């Protein structure tokens, strides 16, 4: 379930149901610099985009898409969005009207079990980072070539990623050897 409040700072805030049961609890991206109401949510093998006060399904992902584990959005361009399932990465340049499978070279360099994706806005060029069973991989935001990110992270399952732009720091949430 996803509830949204437009008056959370009041003494009696109200919350409205935006996405019905079944939404993937970790698969959401919310807010962009150009559109603070922009939002995407993964539910089963579909991605939903906020349209006004409701969420509507985007075009279906390419064949083979499984349960969406995470979504990410370019915070300067809410039409540029990524979705990831356990073994594929998808990208849309048009807010989900069309999707492309950008898994590309990942099967040859990483174990499957993709868990999380994070947009990285950076002065050296925007990127996306992908948390997998084999660590973190990175690609240019508009590219399809993935490379291992960093050298000190053990070969470990990455459950979540967060980028702190002011520190140019990517934080990886792991289990075990992290």
N, C-alpha and C. Protein backbone atom coordinates (compact mmCIF):
# COMPACT_ATOMS: atom_id res chain seq x y z
N UNK A 1 0.83 -1.18 0.00
CA UNK A 1 0.00 0.00 0.00
C UNK A 1 0.88 1.24 0.00
N UNK A 2 0.44 2.25 -0.69
CA UNK A 2 1.13 3.53 -0.68
C UNK A 2 0.10 4.60 -0.36
N UNK A 3 0.34 5.32 0.73
CA UNK A 3 -0.52 6.42 1.12
C UNK A 3 0.26 7.71 0.97
N UNK A 4 -0.41 8.76 0.51
CA UNK A 4 0.24 10.05 0.32
C UNK A 4 -0.57 11.12 1.06
N UNK A 5 0.15 12.02 1.73
CA UNK A 5 -0.48 13.13 2.42
C UNK A 5 -0.03 14.43 1.78
N UNK A 6 -0.97 15.33 1.61
CA UNK A 6 -0.64 16.66 1.09
C UNK A 6 -0.65 17.70 2.21
N UNK A 7 -0.92 17.24 3.45
CA UNK A 7 -0.93 18.17 4.59
C UNK A 7 -0.28 17.53 5.82
N UNK A 8 0.83 16.85 5.62
CA UNK A 8 1.49 16.12 6.70
C UNK A 8 1.99 17.02 7.82
N UNK A 9 2.17 18.31 7.57
CA UNK A 9 2.68 19.22 8.60
C UNK A 9 1.58 19.81 9.47
N UNK A 10 0.35 19.43 9.24
CA UNK A 10 -0.74 19.96 10.05
C UNK A 10 -0.94 19.08 11.29
N UNK A 11 -1.77 19.56 12.22
CA UNK A 11 -2.02 18.78 13.44
C UNK A 11 -2.86 17.55 13.17
N UNK A 12 -3.65 17.56 12.11
CA UNK A 12 -4.47 16.39 11.77
C UNK A 12 -4.29 16.06 10.29
N UNK A 13 -3.14 15.48 9.95
CA UNK A 13 -2.90 15.17 8.54
C UNK A 13 -3.86 14.10 8.02
N UNK A 14 -4.12 14.15 6.73
CA UNK A 14 -4.95 13.13 6.09
C UNK A 14 -4.08 12.41 5.06
N UNK A 15 -4.41 11.14 4.86
CA UNK A 15 -3.65 10.30 3.93
C UNK A 15 -4.62 9.65 2.97
N UNK A 16 -4.24 9.62 1.71
CA UNK A 16 -5.07 8.97 0.70
C UNK A 16 -4.35 7.78 0.11
N UNK A 17 -5.10 6.70 -0.10
CA UNK A 17 -4.53 5.50 -0.72
C UNK A 17 -4.23 5.78 -2.18
N UNK A 18 -2.98 5.55 -2.61
CA UNK A 18 -2.58 5.81 -3.97
C UNK A 18 -2.37 4.54 -4.77
N UNK A 19 -1.85 3.51 -4.14
CA UNK A 19 -1.60 2.25 -4.84
C UNK A 19 -2.20 1.14 -4.00
N UNK A 20 -2.96 0.29 -4.63
CA UNK A 20 -3.65 -0.79 -3.94
C UNK A 20 -2.68 -1.86 -3.46
N UNK A 21 -3.15 -2.80 -2.65
CA UNK A 21 -2.29 -3.88 -2.17
C UNK A 21 -1.59 -4.60 -3.31
N UNK A 22 -0.39 -5.05 -3.03
CA UNK A 22 0.39 -5.76 -4.04
C UNK A 22 1.58 -4.97 -4.53
N UNK A 23 1.66 -3.70 -4.20
CA UNK A 23 2.81 -2.91 -4.64
C UNK A 23 4.06 -3.46 -3.97
N UNK A 24 5.14 -3.51 -4.71
CA UNK A 24 6.40 -4.01 -4.17
C UNK A 24 6.97 -2.95 -3.24
N UNK A 25 7.14 -3.30 -1.98
CA UNK A 25 7.44 -2.31 -0.95
C UNK A 25 8.71 -1.51 -1.19
N UNK A 26 9.70 -2.07 -1.86
CA UNK A 26 10.94 -1.34 -2.10
C UNK A 26 11.01 -0.71 -3.47
N UNK A 27 10.08 -1.00 -4.32
CA UNK A 27 10.14 -0.56 -5.71
C UNK A 27 9.37 0.74 -5.90
N UNK A 28 9.99 1.84 -5.48
CA UNK A 28 9.34 3.13 -5.73
C UNK A 28 10.37 4.24 -5.82
N UNK A 29 10.04 5.21 -6.65
CA UNK A 29 10.83 6.42 -6.80
C UNK A 29 9.86 7.58 -6.72
N UNK A 30 10.22 8.63 -5.96
CA UNK A 30 9.26 9.69 -5.70
C UNK A 30 9.96 11.04 -5.73
N UNK A 31 9.43 11.98 -6.51
CA UNK A 31 9.87 13.36 -6.50
C UNK A 31 11.04 13.66 -7.44
N UNK A 32 10.88 14.71 -8.21
CA UNK A 32 11.92 15.19 -9.12
C UNK A 32 12.03 16.70 -8.95
N UNK A 33 13.17 17.25 -9.32
CA UNK A 33 13.36 18.70 -9.17
C UNK A 33 12.37 19.48 -10.02
N UNK A 34 12.02 18.95 -11.18
CA UNK A 34 11.09 19.63 -12.08
C UNK A 34 9.64 19.27 -11.81
N UNK A 35 9.40 18.21 -11.04
CA UNK A 35 8.04 17.75 -10.74
C UNK A 35 8.05 17.01 -9.41
N UNK A 36 7.82 17.71 -8.30
CA UNK A 36 7.88 17.06 -7.00
C UNK A 36 6.83 15.96 -6.81
N UNK A 37 5.80 15.94 -7.64
CA UNK A 37 4.77 14.91 -7.55
C UNK A 37 5.06 13.69 -8.42
N UNK A 38 6.13 13.71 -9.19
CA UNK A 38 6.46 12.57 -10.05
C UNK A 38 6.73 11.35 -9.18
N UNK A 39 6.22 10.21 -9.60
CA UNK A 39 6.43 8.98 -8.83
C UNK A 39 6.20 7.76 -9.71
N UNK A 40 6.95 6.71 -9.39
CA UNK A 40 6.81 5.40 -10.04
C UNK A 40 6.79 4.34 -8.96
N UNK A 41 6.01 3.29 -9.20
CA UNK A 41 5.91 2.18 -8.26
C UNK A 41 5.89 0.89 -9.06
N UNK A 42 6.62 -0.12 -8.59
CA UNK A 42 6.56 -1.45 -9.19
C UNK A 42 5.52 -2.28 -8.50
N UNK A 43 4.72 -2.97 -9.29
CA UNK A 43 3.71 -3.88 -8.74
C UNK A 43 3.67 -5.09 -9.65
N UNK A 44 4.04 -6.24 -9.09
CA UNK A 44 4.17 -7.47 -9.88
C UNK A 44 5.21 -7.21 -10.97
N UNK A 45 4.87 -7.47 -12.23
CA UNK A 45 5.84 -7.22 -13.31
C UNK A 45 5.49 -5.97 -14.10
N UNK A 46 4.79 -5.04 -13.46
CA UNK A 46 4.42 -3.77 -14.10
C UNK A 46 4.99 -2.59 -13.33
N UNK A 47 5.12 -1.48 -14.02
CA UNK A 47 5.51 -0.22 -13.40
C UNK A 47 4.34 0.74 -13.55
N UNK A 48 4.00 1.41 -12.46
CA UNK A 48 2.93 2.40 -12.46
C UNK A 48 3.53 3.78 -12.29
N UNK A 49 2.94 4.76 -13.00
CA UNK A 49 3.40 6.14 -12.93
C UNK A 49 2.28 7.00 -12.35
N UNK A 50 2.65 7.93 -11.50
CA UNK A 50 1.65 8.83 -10.93
C UNK A 50 1.16 9.78 -12.01
N UNK A 51 -0.15 9.84 -12.12
CA UNK A 51 -0.80 10.73 -13.07
C UNK A 51 -1.91 11.46 -12.32
N UNK A 52 -1.67 12.72 -12.00
CA UNK A 52 -2.63 13.45 -11.19
C UNK A 52 -2.67 12.87 -9.78
N UNK A 53 -3.84 12.44 -9.37
CA UNK A 53 -3.97 11.90 -8.01
C UNK A 53 -4.01 10.37 -7.98
N UNK A 54 -3.76 9.72 -9.12
CA UNK A 54 -3.77 8.26 -9.15
C UNK A 54 -2.52 7.72 -9.84
N UNK A 55 -2.34 6.42 -9.76
CA UNK A 55 -1.25 5.76 -10.46
C UNK A 55 -1.84 4.94 -11.60
N UNK A 56 -1.21 5.04 -12.78
CA UNK A 56 -1.66 4.28 -13.94
C UNK A 56 -0.50 3.44 -14.46
N UNK A 57 -0.83 2.28 -14.99
CA UNK A 57 0.20 1.37 -15.50
C UNK A 57 0.88 1.98 -16.72
N UNK A 58 2.19 1.85 -16.77
CA UNK A 58 2.93 2.23 -17.97
C UNK A 58 2.80 1.09 -18.97
N UNK A 59 3.36 1.24 -20.13
CA UNK A 59 3.39 0.16 -21.11
C UNK A 59 4.09 -1.04 -20.48
N UNK A 60 3.65 -2.23 -20.86
CA UNK A 60 4.26 -3.46 -20.31
C UNK A 60 5.75 -3.49 -20.61
N UNK A 61 6.49 -4.04 -19.67
CA UNK A 61 7.93 -4.23 -19.86
C UNK A 61 8.17 -5.30 -20.92
N UNK A 62 9.38 -5.34 -21.50
CA UNK A 62 9.68 -6.36 -22.51
C UNK A 62 9.46 -7.78 -21.98
N UNK A 63 9.29 -8.69 -22.91
CA UNK A 63 9.02 -10.10 -22.59
C UNK A 63 10.01 -10.64 -21.57
N UNK A 64 9.51 -11.45 -20.67
CA UNK A 64 10.36 -12.07 -19.67
C UNK A 64 10.46 -11.31 -18.37
N UNK A 65 9.87 -10.13 -18.28
CA UNK A 65 9.95 -9.34 -17.05
C UNK A 65 9.26 -10.08 -15.91
N UNK A 66 9.94 -10.12 -14.77
CA UNK A 66 9.39 -10.77 -13.58
C UNK A 66 9.02 -9.68 -12.57
N UNK A 67 8.82 -10.05 -11.33
CA UNK A 67 8.45 -9.09 -10.29
C UNK A 67 9.50 -7.99 -10.17
N UNK A 68 9.05 -6.77 -10.24
CA UNK A 68 9.95 -5.62 -10.16
C UNK A 68 10.47 -5.48 -8.74
N UNK A 69 11.81 -5.45 -8.59
CA UNK A 69 12.40 -5.32 -7.26
C UNK A 69 12.74 -3.88 -6.91
N UNK A 70 12.90 -3.01 -7.91
CA UNK A 70 13.19 -1.61 -7.61
C UNK A 70 12.97 -0.77 -8.86
N UNK A 71 12.74 0.52 -8.65
CA UNK A 71 12.67 1.50 -9.74
C UNK A 71 13.48 2.72 -9.33
N UNK A 72 13.97 3.44 -10.32
CA UNK A 72 14.72 4.68 -10.08
C UNK A 72 14.33 5.67 -11.16
N UNK A 73 14.48 6.95 -10.85
CA UNK A 73 14.12 8.01 -11.79
C UNK A 73 15.19 9.08 -11.77
N UNK A 74 15.46 9.67 -12.92
CA UNK A 74 16.36 10.82 -13.03
C UNK A 74 15.66 11.98 -12.33
N UNK A 75 16.28 12.54 -11.30
CA UNK A 75 15.61 13.59 -10.54
C UNK A 75 15.48 14.91 -11.29
N UNK A 76 16.19 15.05 -12.42
CA UNK A 76 16.04 16.24 -13.26
C UNK A 76 15.12 16.00 -14.45
N UNK A 77 14.86 14.76 -14.76
CA UNK A 77 14.02 14.39 -15.90
C UNK A 77 13.17 13.18 -15.51
N UNK A 78 11.98 13.41 -14.96
CA UNK A 78 11.17 12.29 -14.47
C UNK A 78 10.67 11.35 -15.57
N UNK A 79 10.92 11.67 -16.82
CA UNK A 79 10.57 10.74 -17.90
C UNK A 79 11.64 9.68 -18.12
N UNK A 80 12.83 9.88 -17.53
CA UNK A 80 13.91 8.90 -17.63
C UNK A 80 13.85 8.03 -16.38
N UNK A 81 13.45 6.77 -16.58
CA UNK A 81 13.19 5.87 -15.46
C UNK A 81 13.74 4.48 -15.74
N UNK A 82 14.14 3.78 -14.67
CA UNK A 82 14.66 2.42 -14.76
C UNK A 82 13.83 1.52 -13.87
N UNK A 83 13.71 0.27 -14.27
CA UNK A 83 13.08 -0.76 -13.46
C UNK A 83 13.96 -2.00 -13.51
N UNK A 84 14.00 -2.73 -12.42
CA UNK A 84 14.85 -3.92 -12.35
C UNK A 84 14.05 -5.07 -11.75
N UNK A 85 14.21 -6.26 -12.34
CA UNK A 85 13.68 -7.47 -11.73
C UNK A 85 14.88 -8.31 -11.30
N UNK A 86 14.69 -9.58 -11.02
CA UNK A 86 15.81 -10.35 -10.48
C UNK A 86 16.93 -10.64 -11.47
N UNK A 87 16.71 -10.44 -12.77
CA UNK A 87 17.79 -10.70 -13.72
C UNK A 87 17.79 -9.81 -14.96
N UNK A 88 17.04 -8.71 -14.92
CA UNK A 88 16.99 -7.80 -16.06
C UNK A 88 16.90 -6.35 -15.59
N UNK A 89 17.41 -5.46 -16.42
CA UNK A 89 17.30 -4.02 -16.17
C UNK A 89 16.61 -3.40 -17.38
N UNK A 90 15.63 -2.55 -17.11
CA UNK A 90 14.86 -1.90 -18.16
C UNK A 90 14.98 -0.39 -18.00
N UNK A 91 14.89 0.33 -19.14
CA UNK A 91 14.95 1.79 -19.10
C UNK A 91 13.90 2.36 -20.04
N UNK A 92 13.34 3.49 -19.63
CA UNK A 92 12.40 4.22 -20.47
C UNK A 92 12.83 5.68 -20.51
N UNK A 93 12.86 6.24 -21.71
CA UNK A 93 13.16 7.66 -21.89
C UNK A 93 11.89 8.51 -21.93
N UNK A 94 10.73 7.86 -21.98
CA UNK A 94 9.47 8.58 -22.19
C UNK A 94 8.42 8.30 -21.11
N UNK A 95 8.87 8.16 -19.88
CA UNK A 95 7.94 7.99 -18.77
C UNK A 95 7.20 6.67 -18.77
N UNK A 96 7.74 5.67 -19.42
CA UNK A 96 7.11 4.35 -19.44
C UNK A 96 6.24 4.08 -20.64
N UNK A 97 6.19 5.00 -21.60
CA UNK A 97 5.42 4.73 -22.83
C UNK A 97 6.08 3.61 -23.64
N UNK A 98 7.41 3.49 -23.51
CA UNK A 98 8.15 2.38 -24.11
C UNK A 98 9.31 2.03 -23.20
N UNK A 99 9.71 0.76 -23.23
CA UNK A 99 10.79 0.26 -22.38
C UNK A 99 11.79 -0.50 -23.22
N UNK A 100 13.06 -0.46 -22.82
CA UNK A 100 14.11 -1.25 -23.48
C UNK A 100 14.82 -2.07 -22.41
N UNK A 101 15.18 -3.30 -22.77
CA UNK A 101 15.98 -4.14 -21.89
C UNK A 101 17.43 -3.70 -22.05
N UNK A 102 18.05 -3.20 -20.97
CA UNK A 102 19.44 -2.73 -21.03
C UNK A 102 20.35 -3.60 -20.17
N UNK A 103 19.94 -4.85 -19.99
CA UNK A 103 20.75 -5.79 -19.20
C UNK A 103 22.13 -5.96 -19.84
N UNK A 104 22.18 -5.94 -21.16
CA UNK A 104 23.41 -5.91 -21.93
C UNK A 104 24.44 -6.93 -21.46
N UNK A 105 25.61 -6.47 -20.99
CA UNK A 105 26.71 -7.37 -20.64
C UNK A 105 26.66 -7.88 -19.20
N UNK A 106 25.61 -7.57 -18.43
CA UNK A 106 25.54 -7.99 -17.03
C UNK A 106 25.61 -9.51 -16.83
N UNK A 107 24.96 -10.32 -17.65
CA UNK A 107 25.04 -11.77 -17.41
C UNK A 107 26.46 -12.33 -17.48
N UNK A 108 27.34 -11.68 -18.19
CA UNK A 108 28.71 -12.19 -18.30
C UNK A 108 29.62 -11.71 -17.18
N UNK A 109 29.19 -10.69 -16.41
CA UNK A 109 30.08 -10.16 -15.36
C UNK A 109 29.49 -10.23 -13.96
N UNK A 110 28.24 -10.63 -13.83
CA UNK A 110 27.60 -10.63 -12.52
C UNK A 110 26.72 -11.86 -12.35
N UNK A 111 26.61 -12.32 -11.11
CA UNK A 111 25.59 -13.30 -10.80
C UNK A 111 24.24 -12.59 -10.90
N UNK A 112 23.21 -13.35 -11.17
CA UNK A 112 21.88 -12.75 -11.18
C UNK A 112 21.45 -12.44 -9.75
N UNK A 113 20.22 -12.15 -9.55
CA UNK A 113 19.66 -11.72 -8.28
C UNK A 113 19.89 -10.23 -8.11
N UNK A 114 19.38 -9.47 -9.08
CA UNK A 114 19.45 -8.01 -9.03
C UNK A 114 18.41 -7.54 -8.01
N UNK A 115 18.79 -6.63 -7.14
CA UNK A 115 17.90 -6.21 -6.07
C UNK A 115 17.50 -4.75 -6.10
N UNK A 116 18.44 -3.87 -6.49
CA UNK A 116 18.19 -2.44 -6.30
C UNK A 116 18.88 -1.64 -7.39
N UNK A 117 18.31 -0.49 -7.71
CA UNK A 117 18.91 0.41 -8.69
C UNK A 117 18.80 1.83 -8.16
N UNK A 118 19.85 2.63 -8.40
CA UNK A 118 19.89 3.99 -7.87
C UNK A 118 20.41 4.95 -8.93
N UNK A 119 19.73 6.06 -9.11
CA UNK A 119 20.18 7.11 -10.02
C UNK A 119 21.24 7.93 -9.33
N UNK A 120 22.31 8.26 -10.06
CA UNK A 120 23.41 9.06 -9.51
C UNK A 120 23.59 10.30 -10.39
N UNK A 121 23.18 11.45 -9.86
CA UNK A 121 23.41 12.72 -10.56
C UNK A 121 24.78 13.22 -10.14
N UNK A 122 25.63 13.47 -11.12
CA UNK A 122 27.01 13.82 -10.80
C UNK A 122 27.56 14.79 -11.84
N UNK A 123 28.46 15.66 -11.42
CA UNK A 123 29.07 16.63 -12.33
C UNK A 123 29.87 15.95 -13.43
N UNK A 124 30.35 14.74 -13.17
CA UNK A 124 31.11 13.99 -14.17
C UNK A 124 30.23 13.19 -15.11
N UNK A 125 28.93 13.30 -14.97
CA UNK A 125 27.99 12.58 -15.82
C UNK A 125 27.06 11.70 -15.00
N UNK A 126 25.80 11.71 -15.38
CA UNK A 126 24.80 10.93 -14.65
C UNK A 126 24.99 9.44 -14.91
N UNK A 127 24.72 8.64 -13.88
CA UNK A 127 24.89 7.19 -13.96
C UNK A 127 23.75 6.51 -13.22
N UNK A 128 23.68 5.19 -13.37
CA UNK A 128 22.83 4.36 -12.53
C UNK A 128 23.69 3.25 -11.95
N UNK A 129 23.42 2.92 -10.70
CA UNK A 129 24.14 1.85 -10.01
C UNK A 129 23.14 0.73 -9.74
N UNK A 130 23.60 -0.50 -9.90
CA UNK A 130 22.76 -1.68 -9.74
C UNK A 130 23.35 -2.58 -8.66
N UNK A 131 22.55 -2.89 -7.64
CA UNK A 131 22.97 -3.81 -6.59
C UNK A 131 22.60 -5.23 -6.97
N UNK A 132 23.59 -6.13 -6.96
CA UNK A 132 23.38 -7.51 -7.38
C UNK A 132 23.94 -8.46 -6.33
N UNK A 133 23.86 -9.75 -6.62
CA UNK A 133 24.47 -10.77 -5.76
C UNK A 133 26.00 -10.69 -5.80
N UNK A 134 26.53 -10.03 -6.83
CA UNK A 134 27.98 -9.95 -7.01
C UNK A 134 28.52 -8.54 -6.78
N UNK A 135 27.83 -7.73 -5.99
CA UNK A 135 28.29 -6.38 -5.71
C UNK A 135 27.51 -5.34 -6.49
N UNK A 136 28.16 -4.20 -6.74
CA UNK A 136 27.52 -3.06 -7.39
C UNK A 136 28.13 -2.86 -8.78
N UNK A 137 27.26 -2.67 -9.76
CA UNK A 137 27.68 -2.38 -11.12
C UNK A 137 27.11 -1.04 -11.52
N UNK A 138 27.80 -0.37 -12.43
CA UNK A 138 27.43 1.00 -12.80
C UNK A 138 27.45 1.14 -14.31
N UNK A 139 26.56 2.02 -14.81
CA UNK A 139 26.50 2.35 -16.24
C UNK A 139 26.15 3.81 -16.38
N UNK A 140 26.53 4.42 -17.51
CA UNK A 140 26.07 5.77 -17.82
C UNK A 140 24.55 5.75 -17.87
N UNK A 141 23.93 6.84 -17.48
CA UNK A 141 22.47 6.89 -17.41
C UNK A 141 21.81 6.58 -18.74
N UNK A 142 22.45 6.92 -19.83
CA UNK A 142 21.86 6.64 -21.14
C UNK A 142 22.56 5.49 -21.85
N UNK A 143 23.48 4.82 -21.16
CA UNK A 143 24.25 3.73 -21.77
C UNK A 143 23.73 2.35 -21.41
N UNK A 144 24.45 1.34 -21.91
CA UNK A 144 24.07 -0.04 -21.65
C UNK A 144 25.26 -0.91 -21.25
N UNK A 145 26.44 -0.31 -21.08
CA UNK A 145 27.63 -1.07 -20.73
C UNK A 145 27.86 -0.98 -19.22
N UNK A 146 27.80 -2.11 -18.53
CA UNK A 146 27.92 -2.16 -17.08
C UNK A 146 29.34 -2.55 -16.68
N UNK A 147 29.86 -1.91 -15.63
CA UNK A 147 31.17 -2.25 -15.09
C UNK A 147 31.06 -2.34 -13.57
N UNK A 148 31.96 -3.11 -12.95
CA UNK A 148 32.00 -3.23 -11.51
C UNK A 148 32.35 -1.86 -10.92
N UNK A 149 31.64 -1.49 -9.87
CA UNK A 149 31.85 -0.19 -9.23
C UNK A 149 32.71 -0.38 -7.99
N UNK A 150 33.83 0.29 -7.94
CA UNK A 150 34.71 0.23 -6.78
C UNK A 150 35.54 -1.04 -6.74
N UNK A 151 36.42 -1.10 -5.75
CA UNK A 151 37.31 -2.26 -5.62
C UNK A 151 37.30 -2.87 -4.22
N UNK A 152 36.76 -2.20 -3.23
CA UNK A 152 36.86 -2.67 -1.85
C UNK A 152 35.64 -3.46 -1.37
N UNK A 153 34.55 -3.44 -2.11
CA UNK A 153 33.34 -4.15 -1.68
C UNK A 153 33.50 -5.64 -1.94
N UNK A 154 33.28 -6.48 -0.92
CA UNK A 154 33.39 -7.92 -1.15
C UNK A 154 32.30 -8.40 -2.11
N UNK A 155 32.47 -9.61 -2.61
CA UNK A 155 31.48 -10.25 -3.48
C UNK A 155 30.29 -10.62 -2.60
N UNK A 156 29.30 -9.73 -2.51
CA UNK A 156 28.23 -9.86 -1.53
C UNK A 156 26.92 -9.37 -2.14
N UNK A 157 25.80 -9.89 -1.66
CA UNK A 157 24.48 -9.47 -2.10
C UNK A 157 24.20 -8.06 -1.59
N UNK A 158 23.85 -7.16 -2.51
CA UNK A 158 23.53 -5.77 -2.17
C UNK A 158 22.01 -5.61 -2.22
N UNK A 159 21.42 -5.34 -1.06
CA UNK A 159 19.97 -5.23 -0.94
C UNK A 159 19.45 -3.84 -1.28
N UNK A 160 20.23 -2.81 -1.00
CA UNK A 160 19.73 -1.46 -1.21
C UNK A 160 20.90 -0.52 -1.49
N UNK A 161 20.64 0.53 -2.26
CA UNK A 161 21.62 1.55 -2.58
C UNK A 161 21.02 2.92 -2.31
N UNK A 162 21.82 3.85 -1.81
CA UNK A 162 21.43 5.24 -1.65
C UNK A 162 22.61 6.11 -2.02
N UNK A 163 22.33 7.16 -2.81
CA UNK A 163 23.37 8.08 -3.22
C UNK A 163 23.18 9.39 -2.48
N UNK A 164 24.26 9.88 -1.86
CA UNK A 164 24.24 11.18 -1.18
C UNK A 164 25.03 12.13 -2.07
N UNK A 165 24.29 12.93 -2.82
CA UNK A 165 24.90 13.79 -3.83
C UNK A 165 25.89 14.78 -3.24
N UNK A 166 25.55 15.40 -2.12
CA UNK A 166 26.43 16.42 -1.54
C UNK A 166 27.80 15.86 -1.14
N UNK A 167 27.88 14.56 -0.89
CA UNK A 167 29.14 13.92 -0.51
C UNK A 167 29.72 13.07 -1.64
N UNK A 168 28.97 12.98 -2.75
CA UNK A 168 29.36 12.10 -3.86
C UNK A 168 29.65 10.69 -3.32
N UNK A 169 28.73 10.20 -2.50
CA UNK A 169 28.93 8.92 -1.82
C UNK A 169 27.76 7.98 -2.12
N UNK A 170 28.10 6.77 -2.53
CA UNK A 170 27.11 5.73 -2.76
C UNK A 170 27.19 4.76 -1.58
N UNK A 171 26.06 4.54 -0.92
CA UNK A 171 26.01 3.64 0.23
C UNK A 171 25.30 2.36 -0.20
N UNK A 172 25.90 1.22 0.10
CA UNK A 172 25.34 -0.09 -0.24
C UNK A 172 24.95 -0.82 1.03
N UNK A 173 23.70 -1.24 1.09
CA UNK A 173 23.21 -2.05 2.20
C UNK A 173 23.37 -3.52 1.85
N UNK A 174 24.15 -4.25 2.65
CA UNK A 174 24.45 -5.64 2.37
C UNK A 174 24.05 -6.52 3.54
N UNK A 175 24.20 -7.80 3.36
CA UNK A 175 23.96 -8.77 4.41
C UNK A 175 25.16 -9.68 4.47
N UNK A 176 25.75 -9.79 5.62
CA UNK A 176 26.89 -10.70 5.75
C UNK A 176 28.21 -9.95 5.72
N UNK A 177 28.96 -10.12 4.65
CA UNK A 177 30.33 -9.64 4.57
C UNK A 177 30.44 -8.14 4.30
N UNK A 178 29.41 -7.37 4.50
CA UNK A 178 29.42 -5.97 4.15
C UNK A 178 30.02 -5.08 5.17
